[in-house]
Amino acid sequence: EDGQKMGLQGMINDMVQRCDHDLSRRAPQELKALEVADRAERLRNLAQIITALENGAWPEKAKKALLEKVGTGGTAIPVVGITGTGGAGKSSLTDELIRRFRLDQADSQKIAVISIDPSRKRTGGALLGDRIRMNAIQHPNIYMRSLATRDTGSEISKALPDVIAACKLAGFDLVVVETSGIGQGDAAIVPLVDVSLYVMTPEFGAASQLEKIDMLDFADFVAINKFDRKGAEDALRDVRKQYQRNRERFGEKPDDMPVFGTMAARFNDDGVTALYQALVPRLAERGLKFAQGRLPAVTVKASSAGRAI
């Protein structure tokens, strides 16, 4: 009867109205909430503080103290930024990299994943859909949080620097940030992270289009995902040469550039494993501790043609 009277949109409006509570007031106001011994309580406090940071409702004094404490902290906690075009498979690739960390290090590392999706200009809403693609995050050591950009024209949330700092203080070993899809000219994630990964597909158009991609100037690693698509080998060659030109590394071979061909949708893809194994020494330099790896070393830098069982 309610449905007949209200209609579909009326039921949606009613449901949203019933859910519309200000959760910011639940957030703890002290930094020590992020350092409590009980892990479940600490993660609950972190979730509530992130909500308050997103809503701009956390006290400025506490925010300033958070940034100061993280800035003067002891061991560095590296941050990986994963960005790229919409539909390139960033979420799937992020999930596969998390799987590699878990398998290689026997679930010993605590990882926070922050995924950002765009807010729509017309409605102001955001589909926080990254977790739809993620299957490797179901573990007590993995924390995953979705954020909306809450703005148009940017691939990151204004609250992101504070959210990263809160995750660092909450005791994670590694923070992974996945941005919303970007076009050719945005590299806003670079100043906020220690290691950046740009994800693209083989369908970027003519080779001259590579001159316009801002992230090829800044990215530490480039992944050409969906490597099973037509023209992938040519794309890999062209991107390697563009990466080499952008950095004027003419004394090195194009094959030595950190550009990888990956297929995140394929089980046990050796291209993804190659990317992970290239990330390991870079993250180790920035303070992430690694035990002896369990994954066998791969010799390729792009997905091989055969099925990897």
C-alpha atoms as a PDB file:
ATOM      1  CA  GLU A   1       0.000   0.000   0.000  1.00  0.00           C
ATOM      2  CA  ASP A   2       2.867   2.416   0.794  1.00  0.00           C
ATOM      3  CA  GLY A   3       4.391   1.607  -2.576  1.00  0.00           C
ATOM      4  CA  GLN A   4       1.139   2.332  -4.382  1.00  0.00           C
ATOM      5  CA  LYS A   5       0.735   5.683  -2.645  1.00  0.00           C
ATOM      6  CA  MET A   6       4.336   6.868  -2.707  1.00  0.00           C
ATOM      7  CA  GLY A   7       5.710   5.367  -5.907  1.00  0.00           C
ATOM      8  CA  LEU A   8       9.316   4.231  -6.391  1.00  0.00           C
ATOM      9  CA  GLN A   9      10.897   7.683  -5.946  1.00  0.00           C
ATOM     10  CA  GLY A  10       8.757   8.340  -2.880  1.00  0.00           C
ATOM     11  CA  MET A  11       9.938   5.097  -1.260  1.00  0.00           C
ATOM     12  CA  ILE A  12      13.565   5.978  -2.065  1.00  0.00           C
ATOM     13  CA  ASN A  13      13.155   9.455  -0.555  1.00  0.00           C
ATOM     14  CA  ASP A  14      11.524   7.990   2.555  1.00  0.00           C
ATOM     15  CA  MET A  15      14.318   5.454   3.011  1.00  0.00           C
ATOM     16  CA  VAL A  16      17.068   8.052   2.577  1.00  0.00           C
ATOM     17  CA  GLN A  17      15.302  10.368   5.029  1.00  0.00           C
ATOM     18  CA  ARG A  18      15.111   7.601   7.654  1.00  0.00           C
ATOM     19  CA  CYS A  19      18.848   6.945   7.237  1.00  0.00           C
ATOM     20  CA  ASP A  20      19.827  10.612   7.341  1.00  0.00           C
ATOM     21  CA  HIS A  21      21.578  10.914  10.705  1.00  0.00           C
ATOM     22  CA  ASP A  22      24.669  12.977  11.449  1.00  0.00           C
ATOM     23  CA  LEU A  23      27.280  10.343  12.355  1.00  0.00           C
ATOM     24  CA  SER A  24      30.038  12.913  12.938  1.00  0.00           C
ATOM     25  CA  ARG A  25      29.018  13.453  16.542  1.00  0.00           C
ATOM     26  CA  ARG A  26      29.901   9.825  17.316  1.00  0.00           C
ATOM     27  CA  ALA A  27      33.555  10.378  16.413  1.00  0.00           C
ATOM     28  CA  PRO A  28      36.080  10.415  19.293  1.00  0.00           C
ATOM     29  CA  GLN A  29      37.698  13.827  19.757  1.00  0.00           C
ATOM     30  CA  GLU A  30      41.081  12.615  21.019  1.00  0.00           C
ATOM     31  CA  LEU A  31      44.016  11.118  19.112  1.00  0.00           C
ATOM     32  CA  LYS A  32      44.468   8.371  21.675  1.00  0.00           C
ATOM     33  CA  ALA A  33      41.328   6.737  20.217  1.00  0.00           C
ATOM     34  CA  LEU A  34      43.494   5.712  17.236  1.00  0.00           C
ATOM     35  CA  GLU A  35      46.071   4.057  19.481  1.00  0.00           C
ATOM     36  CA  VAL A  36      43.952   1.901  21.791  1.00  0.00           C
ATOM     37  CA  ALA A  37      45.164  -1.676  22.236  1.00  0.00           C
ATOM     38  CA  ASP A  38      41.937  -3.411  21.179  1.00  0.00           C
ATOM     39  CA  ARG A  39      42.084  -3.623  17.379  1.00  0.00           C
ATOM     40  CA  ALA A  40      38.323  -3.830  16.788  1.00  0.00           C
ATOM     41  CA  GLU A  41      37.733  -0.723  18.902  1.00  0.00           C
ATOM     42  CA  ARG A  42      40.608   1.096  17.174  1.00  0.00           C
ATOM     43  CA  LEU A  43      39.191   0.391  13.700  1.00  0.00           C
ATOM     44  CA  ARG A  44      35.717   1.482  14.804  1.00  0.00           C
ATOM     45  CA  ASN A  45      37.218   4.724  16.110  1.00  0.00           C
ATOM     46  CA  LEU A  46      39.108   5.163  12.838  1.00  0.00           C
ATOM     47  CA  ALA A  47      35.913   4.709  10.799  1.00  0.00           C
ATOM     48  CA  GLN A  48      34.079   7.301  12.902  1.00  0.00           C
ATOM     49  CA  ILE A  49      36.962   9.789  12.724  1.00  0.00           C
ATOM     50  CA  ILE A  50      37.162   9.417   8.915  1.00  0.00           C
ATOM     51  CA  THR A  51      33.440  10.194   8.711  1.00  0.00           C
ATOM     52  CA  ALA A  52      33.964  13.325  10.801  1.00  0.00           C
ATOM     53  CA  LEU A  53      36.955  14.352   8.655  1.00  0.00           C
ATOM     54  CA  GLU A  54      34.874  13.925   5.492  1.00  0.00           C
ATOM     55  CA  ASN A  55      32.086  16.059   6.918  1.00  0.00           C
ATOM     56  CA  GLY A  56      34.498  18.734   8.127  1.00  0.00           C
ATOM     57  CA  ALA A  57      33.227  18.155  11.664  1.00  0.00           C
ATOM     58  CA  TRP A  58      36.385  17.008  13.456  1.00  0.00           C
ATOM     59  CA  PRO A  59      37.964  19.709  15.663  1.00  0.00           C
ATOM     60  CA  GLU A  60      40.728  21.717  13.974  1.00  0.00           C
ATOM     61  CA  LYS A  61      42.874  21.321  17.080  1.00  0.00           C
ATOM     62  CA  ALA A  62      42.685  17.522  16.864  1.00  0.00           C
ATOM     63  CA  LYS A  63      43.333  17.606  13.101  1.00  0.00           C
ATOM     64  CA  LYS A  64      46.425  19.759  13.581  1.00  0.00           C
ATOM     65  CA  ALA A  65      47.700  17.459  16.336  1.00  0.00           C
ATOM     66  CA  LEU A  66      47.105  14.435  14.072  1.00  0.00           C
ATOM     67  CA  LEU A  67      49.163  15.882  11.204  1.00  0.00           C
ATOM     68  CA  GLU A  68      51.934  16.974  13.571  1.00  0.00           C
ATOM     69  CA  LYS A  69      52.141  13.570  15.249  1.00  0.00           C
ATOM     70  CA  VAL A  70      52.279  11.691  11.962  1.00  0.00           C
ATOM     71  CA  GLY A  71      54.788  14.173  10.535  1.00  0.00           C
ATOM     72  CA  THR A  72      57.186  13.694  13.467  1.00  0.00           C
ATOM     73  CA  GLY A  73      56.556   9.929  13.801  1.00  0.00           C
ATOM     74  CA  GLY A  74      59.266   7.291  13.889  1.00  0.00           C
ATOM     75  CA  THR A  75      59.142   4.624  11.189  1.00  0.00           C
ATOM     76  CA  ALA A  76      57.828   5.850   7.854  1.00  0.00           C
ATOM     77  CA  ILE A  77      54.606   4.225   6.677  1.00  0.00           C
ATOM     78  CA  PRO A  78      54.598   4.212   2.858  1.00  0.00           C
ATOM     79  CA  VAL A  79      51.582   5.263   0.828  1.00  0.00           C
ATOM     80  CA  VAL A  80      50.880   3.840  -2.639  1.00  0.00           C
ATOM     81  CA  GLY A  81      48.688   5.896  -4.949  1.00  0.00           C
ATOM     82  CA  ILE A  82      46.865   4.073  -7.759  1.00  0.00           C
ATOM     83  CA  THR A  83      45.281   6.282 -10.393  1.00  0.00           C
ATOM     84  CA  GLY A  84      44.223   6.005 -13.992  1.00  0.00           C
ATOM     85  CA  THR A  85      41.455   6.331 -16.524  1.00  0.00           C
ATOM     86  CA  GLY A  86      37.902   5.297 -15.702  1.00  0.00           C
ATOM     87  CA  GLY A  87      37.245   1.653 -16.517  1.00  0.00           C
ATOM     88  CA  ALA A  88      40.942   0.751 -16.766  1.00  0.00           C
ATOM     89  CA  GLY A  89      40.542  -1.848 -14.003  1.00  0.00           C
ATOM     90  CA  LYS A  90      42.063   0.065 -11.061  1.00  0.00           C
ATOM     91  CA  SER A  91      39.891  -1.665  -8.463  1.00  0.00           C
ATOM     92  CA  SER A  92      40.547  -5.139  -9.866  1.00  0.00           C
ATOM     93  CA  LEU A  93      44.288  -4.450 -10.066  1.00  0.00           C
ATOM     94  CA  THR A  94      44.307  -3.040  -6.526  1.00  0.00           C
ATOM     95  CA  ASP A  95      42.560  -6.181  -5.317  1.00  0.00           C
ATOM     96  CA  GLU A  96      45.076  -8.435  -7.099  1.00  0.00           C
ATOM     97  CA  LEU A  97      48.005  -6.495  -5.618  1.00  0.00           C
ATOM     98  CA  ILE A  98      46.480  -6.866  -2.132  1.00  0.00           C
ATOM     99  CA  ARG A  99      46.192 -10.601  -2.849  1.00  0.00           C
ATOM    100  CA  ARG A 100      49.904 -10.704  -3.765  1.00  0.00           C
ATOM    101  CA  PHE A 101      50.868  -8.930  -0.525  1.00  0.00           C
ATOM    102  CA  ARG A 102      48.795 -11.419   1.467  1.00  0.00           C
ATOM    103  CA  LEU A 103      50.116 -14.533  -0.286  1.00  0.00           C
ATOM    104  CA  ASP A 104      53.736 -13.409  -0.452  1.00  0.00           C
ATOM    105  CA  GLN A 105      53.952 -12.245   3.168  1.00  0.00           C
ATOM    106  CA  ALA A 106      51.573 -14.797   4.747  1.00  0.00           C
ATOM    107  CA  ASP A 107      49.089 -12.134   5.932  1.00  0.00           C
ATOM    108  CA  SER A 108      51.710 -10.518   8.164  1.00  0.00           C
ATOM    109  CA  GLN A 109      51.240  -6.926   6.936  1.00  0.00           C
ATOM    110  CA  LYS A 110      48.422  -4.614   7.986  1.00  0.00           C
ATOM    111  CA  ILE A 111      47.088  -2.723   4.972  1.00  0.00           C
ATOM    112  CA  ALA A 112      44.575   0.127   4.731  1.00  0.00           C
ATOM    113  CA  VAL A 113      42.835   0.620   1.373  1.00  0.00           C
ATOM    114  CA  ILE A 114      41.216   4.003   0.685  1.00  0.00           C
ATOM    115  CA  SER A 115      39.124   4.024  -2.509  1.00  0.00           C
ATOM    116  CA  ILE A 116      37.706   7.244  -3.918  1.00  0.00           C
ATOM    117  CA  ASP A 117      34.816   7.487  -6.365  1.00  0.00           C
ATOM    118  CA  PRO A 118      33.475  10.585  -8.145  1.00  0.00           C
ATOM    119  CA  SER A 119      30.452  12.546  -6.997  1.00  0.00           C
ATOM    120  CA  ARG A 120      27.979  13.307  -9.764  1.00  0.00           C
ATOM    121  CA  LYS A 121      27.523  16.962 -10.559  1.00  0.00           C
ATOM    122  CA  ARG A 122      23.778  16.749 -11.230  1.00  0.00           C
ATOM    123  CA  THR A 123      22.668  14.807  -8.158  1.00  0.00           C
ATOM    124  CA  GLY A 124      25.624  15.180  -5.774  1.00  0.00           C
ATOM    125  CA  GLY A 125      25.542  11.427  -5.154  1.00  0.00           C
ATOM    126  CA  ALA A 126      28.367   8.926  -5.593  1.00  0.00           C
ATOM    127  CA  LEU A 127      28.350   5.212  -6.375  1.00  0.00           C
ATOM    128  CA  LEU A 128      31.046   3.836  -4.063  1.00  0.00           C
ATOM    129  CA  GLY A 129      31.509   0.768  -6.228  1.00  0.00           C
ATOM    130  CA  ASP A 130      35.195  -0.119  -5.862  1.00  0.00           C
ATOM    131  CA  ARG A 131      34.539  -2.873  -3.329  1.00  0.00           C
ATOM    132  CA  ILE A 132      32.325  -4.650  -5.867  1.00  0.00           C
ATOM    133  CA  ARG A 133      35.570  -5.688  -7.594  1.00  0.00           C
ATOM    134  CA  MET A 134      37.470  -6.614  -4.433  1.00  0.00           C
ATOM    135  CA  ASN A 135      37.648 -10.163  -3.112  1.00  0.00           C
ATOM    136  CA  ALA A 136      41.007 -10.197  -1.291  1.00  0.00           C
ATOM    137  CA  ILE A 137      40.136  -7.658   1.416  1.00  0.00           C
ATOM    138  CA  GLN A 138      38.239 -10.074   3.674  1.00  0.00           C
ATOM    139  CA  HIS A 139      40.863 -10.412   6.378  1.00  0.00           C
ATOM    140  CA  PRO A 140      41.310  -8.828   9.828  1.00  0.00           C
ATOM    141  CA  ASN A 141      44.584  -7.210   8.689  1.00  0.00           C
ATOM    142  CA  ILE A 142      42.946  -5.435   5.737  1.00  0.00           C
ATOM    143  CA  TYR A 143      40.869  -2.292   6.299  1.00  0.00           C
ATOM    144  CA  MET A 144      38.902  -0.858   3.387  1.00  0.00           C
ATOM    145  CA  ARG A 145      37.124   2.493   3.270  1.00  0.00           C
ATOM    146  CA  SER A 146      35.308   4.195   0.391  1.00  0.00           C
ATOM    147  CA  LEU A 147      35.245   7.984   0.023  1.00  0.00           C
ATOM    148  CA  ALA A 148      33.446  10.267  -2.426  1.00  0.00           C
ATOM    149  CA  THR A 149      35.213  13.200  -4.056  1.00  0.00           C
ATOM    150  CA  ARG A 150      32.281  15.420  -2.931  1.00  0.00           C
ATOM    151  CA  ASP A 151      33.345  17.762  -5.698  1.00  0.00           C
ATOM    152  CA  THR A 152      33.671  17.748  -9.466  1.00  0.00           C
ATOM    153  CA  GLY A 153      36.891  18.304 -11.373  1.00  0.00           C
ATOM    154  CA  SER A 154      39.107  16.379  -8.954  1.00  0.00           C
ATOM    155  CA  GLU A 155      39.901  12.705  -8.506  1.00  0.00           C
ATOM    156  CA  ILE A 156      40.590  12.966  -4.772  1.00  0.00           C
ATOM    157  CA  SER A 157      38.666  14.023  -1.687  1.00  0.00           C
ATOM    158  CA  LYS A 158      39.670  17.184   0.185  1.00  0.00           C
ATOM    159  CA  ALA A 159      39.799  15.090   3.355  1.00  0.00           C
ATOM    160  CA  LEU A 160      42.298  12.603   1.867  1.00  0.00           C
ATOM    161  CA  PRO A 161      45.510  13.981   3.507  1.00  0.00           C
ATOM    162  CA  ASP A 162      43.861  13.822   6.933  1.00  0.00           C
ATOM    163  CA  VAL A 163      42.427  10.341   6.244  1.00  0.00           C
ATOM    164  CA  ILE A 164      45.877   9.040   5.247  1.00  0.00           C
ATOM    165  CA  ALA A 165      47.356  10.499   8.442  1.00  0.00           C
ATOM    166  CA  ALA A 166      44.618   8.848  10.554  1.00  0.00           C
ATOM    167  CA  CYS A 167      45.330   5.461   8.926  1.00  0.00           C
ATOM    168  CA  LYS A 168      49.046   5.831   9.610  1.00  0.00           C
ATOM    169  CA  LEU A 169      48.395   6.585  13.280  1.00  0.00           C
ATOM    170  CA  ALA A 170      45.989   3.625  13.552  1.00  0.00           C
ATOM    171  CA  GLY A 171      48.883   1.191  13.152  1.00  0.00           C
ATOM    172  CA  PHE A 172      48.869   0.110   9.518  1.00  0.00           C
ATOM    173  CA  ASP A 173      52.071  -0.905   7.758  1.00  0.00           C
ATOM    174  CA  LEU A 174      50.946   0.272   4.322  1.00  0.00           C
ATOM    175  CA  VAL A 175      48.272   2.627   2.987  1.00  0.00           C
ATOM    176  CA  VAL A 176      46.932   2.117  -0.558  1.00  0.00           C
ATOM    177  CA  VAL A 177      44.919   4.955  -2.112  1.00  0.00           C
ATOM    178  CA  GLU A 178      42.885   4.338  -5.246  1.00  0.00           C
ATOM    179  CA  THR A 179      41.569   7.500  -6.897  1.00  0.00           C
ATOM    180  CA  SER A 180      38.538   7.943  -9.092  1.00  0.00           C
ATOM    181  CA  GLY A 181      39.045   7.817 -12.851  1.00  0.00           C
ATOM    182  CA  ILE A 182      40.950  10.713 -14.384  1.00  0.00           C
ATOM    183  CA  GLY A 183      41.429  12.165 -17.845  1.00  0.00           C
ATOM    184  CA  GLN A 184      44.694  13.191 -19.451  1.00  0.00           C
ATOM    185  CA  GLY A 185      45.705  16.132 -17.291  1.00  0.00           C
ATOM    186  CA  ASP A 186      45.456  15.416 -13.584  1.00  0.00           C
ATOM    187  CA  ALA A 187      48.158  14.243 -11.173  1.00  0.00           C
ATOM    188  CA  ALA A 188      46.688  15.471  -7.884  1.00  0.00           C
ATOM    189  CA  ILE A 189      47.507  12.228  -6.047  1.00  0.00           C
ATOM    190  CA  VAL A 190      51.286  12.502  -6.577  1.00  0.00           C
ATOM    191  CA  PRO A 191      52.153  14.939  -3.719  1.00  0.00           C
ATOM    192  CA  LEU A 192      50.218  12.820  -1.205  1.00  0.00           C
ATOM    193  CA  VAL A 193      51.873   9.446  -1.850  1.00  0.00           C
ATOM    194  CA  ASP A 194      55.341   7.894  -1.790  1.00  0.00           C
ATOM    195  CA  VAL A 195      54.895   5.569  -4.759  1.00  0.00           C
ATOM    196  CA  SER A 196      52.464   6.184  -7.626  1.00  0.00           C
ATOM    197  CA  LEU A 197      51.026   3.726 -10.139  1.00  0.00           C
ATOM    198  CA  TYR A 198      49.203   4.817 -13.283  1.00  0.00           C
ATOM    199  CA  VAL A 199      46.765   2.288 -14.762  1.00  0.00           C
ATOM    200  CA  MET A 200      45.676   2.541 -18.390  1.00  0.00           C
ATOM    201  CA  THR A 201      44.435   0.299 -21.203  1.00  0.00           C
ATOM    202  CA  PRO A 202      45.844  -0.345 -24.690  1.00  0.00           C
ATOM    203  CA  GLU A 203      43.078   1.811 -26.242  1.00  0.00           C
ATOM    204  CA  PHE A 204      44.579   5.262 -25.751  1.00  0.00           C
ATOM    205  CA  GLY A 205      44.341   6.245 -29.430  1.00  0.00           C
ATOM    206  CA  ALA A 206      47.238   7.495 -31.525  1.00  0.00           C
ATOM    207  CA  ALA A 207      50.739   7.492 -30.066  1.00  0.00           C
ATOM    208  CA  SER A 208      50.637  11.316 -29.959  1.00  0.00           C
ATOM    209  CA  GLN A 209      47.953  11.046 -27.241  1.00  0.00           C
ATOM    210  CA  LEU A 210      50.640   9.788 -24.851  1.00  0.00           C
ATOM    211  CA  GLU A 211      52.233  13.258 -24.916  1.00  0.00           C
ATOM    212  CA  LYS A 212      49.108  14.603 -23.201  1.00  0.00           C
ATOM    213  CA  ILE A 213      48.962  12.181 -20.267  1.00  0.00           C
ATOM    214  CA  ASP A 214      50.213  14.077 -17.228  1.00  0.00           C
ATOM    215  CA  MET A 215      50.795  10.996 -15.077  1.00  0.00           C
ATOM    216  CA  LEU A 216      53.395   9.589 -17.478  1.00  0.00           C
ATOM    217  CA  ASP A 217      55.631  12.426 -16.247  1.00  0.00           C
ATOM    218  CA  PHE A 218      55.133  11.559 -12.578  1.00  0.00           C
ATOM    219  CA  ALA A 219      54.160   7.898 -12.150  1.00  0.00           C
ATOM    220  CA  ASP A 220      56.773   5.593 -10.641  1.00  0.00           C
ATOM    221  CA  PHE A 221      55.090   2.606 -12.303  1.00  0.00           C
ATOM    222  CA  VAL A 222      52.718   2.247 -15.251  1.00  0.00           C
ATOM    223  CA  ALA A 223      50.388  -0.717 -15.764  1.00  0.00           C
ATOM    224  CA  ILE A 224      48.763  -1.363 -19.124  1.00  0.00           C
ATOM    225  CA  ASN A 225      45.847  -3.413 -17.872  1.00  0.00           C
ATOM    226  CA  LYS A 226      43.494  -5.613 -19.928  1.00  0.00           C
ATOM    227  CA  PHE A 227      46.594  -6.761 -21.782  1.00  0.00           C
ATOM    228  CA  ASP A 228      44.597  -9.409 -23.639  1.00  0.00           C
ATOM    229  CA  ARG A 229      43.046  -6.719 -25.808  1.00  0.00           C
ATOM    230  CA  LYS A 230      44.053  -6.071 -29.405  1.00  0.00           C
ATOM    231  CA  GLY A 231      47.136  -3.907 -29.845  1.00  0.00           C
ATOM    232  CA  ALA A 232      48.442  -4.463 -26.305  1.00  0.00           C
ATOM    233  CA  GLU A 233      52.003  -5.316 -27.387  1.00  0.00           C
ATOM    234  CA  ASP A 234      52.197  -2.157 -29.512  1.00  0.00           C
ATOM    235  CA  ALA A 235      50.794  -0.103 -26.644  1.00  0.00           C
ATOM    236  CA  LEU A 236      53.419  -1.520 -24.277  1.00  0.00           C
ATOM    237  CA  ARG A 237      56.210  -0.557 -26.689  1.00  0.00           C
ATOM    238  CA  ASP A 238      54.820   2.954 -27.258  1.00  0.00           C
ATOM    239  CA  VAL A 239      54.274   3.686 -23.553  1.00  0.00           C
ATOM    240  CA  ARG A 240      57.762   2.459 -22.658  1.00  0.00           C
ATOM    241  CA  LYS A 241      59.287   4.765 -25.258  1.00  0.00           C
ATOM    242  CA  GLN A 242      57.140   7.682 -24.058  1.00  0.00           C
ATOM    243  CA  TYR A 243      58.148   7.021 -20.444  1.00  0.00           C
ATOM    244  CA  GLN A 244      61.794   6.940 -21.536  1.00  0.00           C
ATOM    245  CA  ARG A 245      61.451  10.244 -23.425  1.00  0.00           C
ATOM    246  CA  ASN A 246      59.624  11.998 -20.614  1.00  0.00           C
ATOM    247  CA  ARG A 247      62.437  11.218 -18.183  1.00  0.00           C
ATOM    248  CA  GLU A 248      65.287  11.497 -20.712  1.00  0.00           C
ATOM    249  CA  ARG A 249      66.551   8.031 -19.765  1.00  0.00           C
ATOM    250  CA  PHE A 250      68.096   7.435 -23.176  1.00  0.00           C
ATOM    251  CA  GLY A 251      71.029   5.473 -21.725  1.00  0.00           C
ATOM    252  CA  GLU A 252      68.642   2.656 -20.774  1.00  0.00           C
ATOM    253  CA  LYS A 253      66.645   0.241 -22.883  1.00  0.00           C
ATOM    254  CA  PRO A 254      62.889   0.874 -23.283  1.00  0.00           C
ATOM    255  CA  ASP A 255      62.320  -2.659 -21.886  1.00  0.00           C
ATOM    256  CA  ASP A 256      63.938  -1.557 -18.603  1.00  0.00           C
ATOM    257  CA  MET A 257      61.287   1.121 -17.968  1.00  0.00           C
ATOM    258  CA  PRO A 258      58.860   0.326 -15.110  1.00  0.00           C
ATOM    259  CA  VAL A 259      55.956  -0.246 -17.519  1.00  0.00           C
ATOM    260  CA  PHE A 260      54.076  -3.521 -17.113  1.00  0.00           C
ATOM    261  CA  GLY A 261      51.408  -5.376 -19.045  1.00  0.00           C
ATOM    262  CA  THR A 262      48.782  -6.805 -16.681  1.00  0.00           C
ATOM    263  CA  MET A 263      45.527  -8.744 -16.771  1.00  0.00           C
ATOM    264  CA  ALA A 264      43.935  -8.227 -13.370  1.00  0.00           C
ATOM    265  CA  ALA A 265      40.895 -10.283 -14.356  1.00  0.00           C
ATOM    266  CA  ARG A 266      42.990 -13.417 -14.965  1.00  0.00           C
ATOM    267  CA  PHE A 267      43.766 -15.835 -12.149  1.00  0.00           C
ATOM    268  CA  ASN A 268      47.405 -15.766 -10.987  1.00  0.00           C
ATOM    269  CA  ASP A 269      48.452 -13.411 -13.781  1.00  0.00           C
ATOM    270  CA  ASP A 270      52.241 -13.243 -14.077  1.00  0.00           C
ATOM    271  CA  GLY A 271      52.103  -9.613 -15.275  1.00  0.00           C
ATOM    272  CA  VAL A 272      50.467  -8.557 -11.998  1.00  0.00           C
ATOM    273  CA  THR A 273      53.022 -10.625 -10.063  1.00  0.00           C
ATOM    274  CA  ALA A 274      55.835  -8.869 -11.962  1.00  0.00           C
ATOM    275  CA  LEU A 275      54.349  -5.484 -11.010  1.00  0.00           C
ATOM    276  CA  TYR A 276      54.066  -6.551  -7.364  1.00  0.00           C
ATOM    277  CA  GLN A 277      57.655  -7.799  -7.272  1.00  0.00           C
ATOM    278  CA  ALA A 278      58.843  -4.486  -8.738  1.00  0.00           C
ATOM    279  CA  LEU A 279      56.903  -2.599  -6.033  1.00  0.00           C
ATOM    280  CA  VAL A 280      58.510  -4.576  -3.191  1.00  0.00           C
ATOM    281  CA  PRO A 281      62.029  -3.033  -3.245  1.00  0.00           C
ATOM    282  CA  ARG A 282      60.596   0.475  -3.714  1.00  0.00           C
ATOM    283  CA  LEU A 283      58.342   0.071  -0.668  1.00  0.00           C
ATOM    284  CA  ALA A 284      61.145  -1.533   1.339  1.00  0.00           C
ATOM    285  CA  GLU A 285      63.228   1.615   0.730  1.00  0.00           C
ATOM    286  CA  ARG A 286      60.411   3.622   2.305  1.00  0.00           C
ATOM    287  CA  GLY A 287      60.206   1.586   5.476  1.00  0.00           C
ATOM    288  CA  LEU A 288      57.830  -1.320   4.771  1.00  0.00           C
ATOM    289  CA  LYS A 289      59.248  -4.510   6.277  1.00  0.00           C
ATOM    290  CA  PHE A 290      59.240  -7.654   4.131  1.00  0.00           C
ATOM    291  CA  ALA A 291      59.985 -11.226   5.135  1.00  0.00           C
ATOM    292  CA  GLN A 292      61.316 -13.785   2.649  1.00  0.00           C
ATOM    293  CA  GLY A 293      58.749 -13.830  -0.165  1.00  0.00           C
ATOM    294  CA  ARG A 294      56.669 -16.934  -0.845  1.00  0.00           C
ATOM    295  CA  LEU A 295      55.719 -16.141  -4.438  1.00  0.00           C
ATOM    296  CA  PRO A 296      58.142 -17.522  -7.036  1.00  0.00           C
ATOM    297  CA  ALA A 297      60.020 -14.815  -8.937  1.00  0.00           C
ATOM    298  CA  VAL A 298      58.770 -14.095 -12.453  1.00  0.00           C
ATOM    299  CA  THR A 299      61.023 -13.117 -15.357  1.00  0.00           C
ATOM    300  CA  VAL A 300      58.438 -11.365 -17.562  1.00  0.00           C
ATOM    301  CA  LYS A 301      57.186  -7.752 -17.399  1.00  0.00           C
ATOM    302  CA  ALA A 302      53.910  -8.385 -19.188  1.00  0.00           C
ATOM    303  CA  SER A 303      51.232 -11.052 -19.038  1.00  0.00           C
ATOM    304  CA  SER A 304      52.252 -14.178 -20.919  1.00  0.00           C
ATOM    305  CA  ALA A 305      49.930 -15.604 -23.537  1.00  0.00           C
ATOM    306  CA  GLY A 306      49.273 -18.936 -21.830  1.00  0.00           C
ATOM    307  CA  ARG A 307      47.012 -19.620 -18.905  1.00  0.00           C
ATOM    308  CA  ALA A 308      48.837 -19.211 -15.600  1.00  0.00           C
ATOM    309  CA  ILE A 309      47.612 -21.979 -13.294  1.00  0.00           C
END
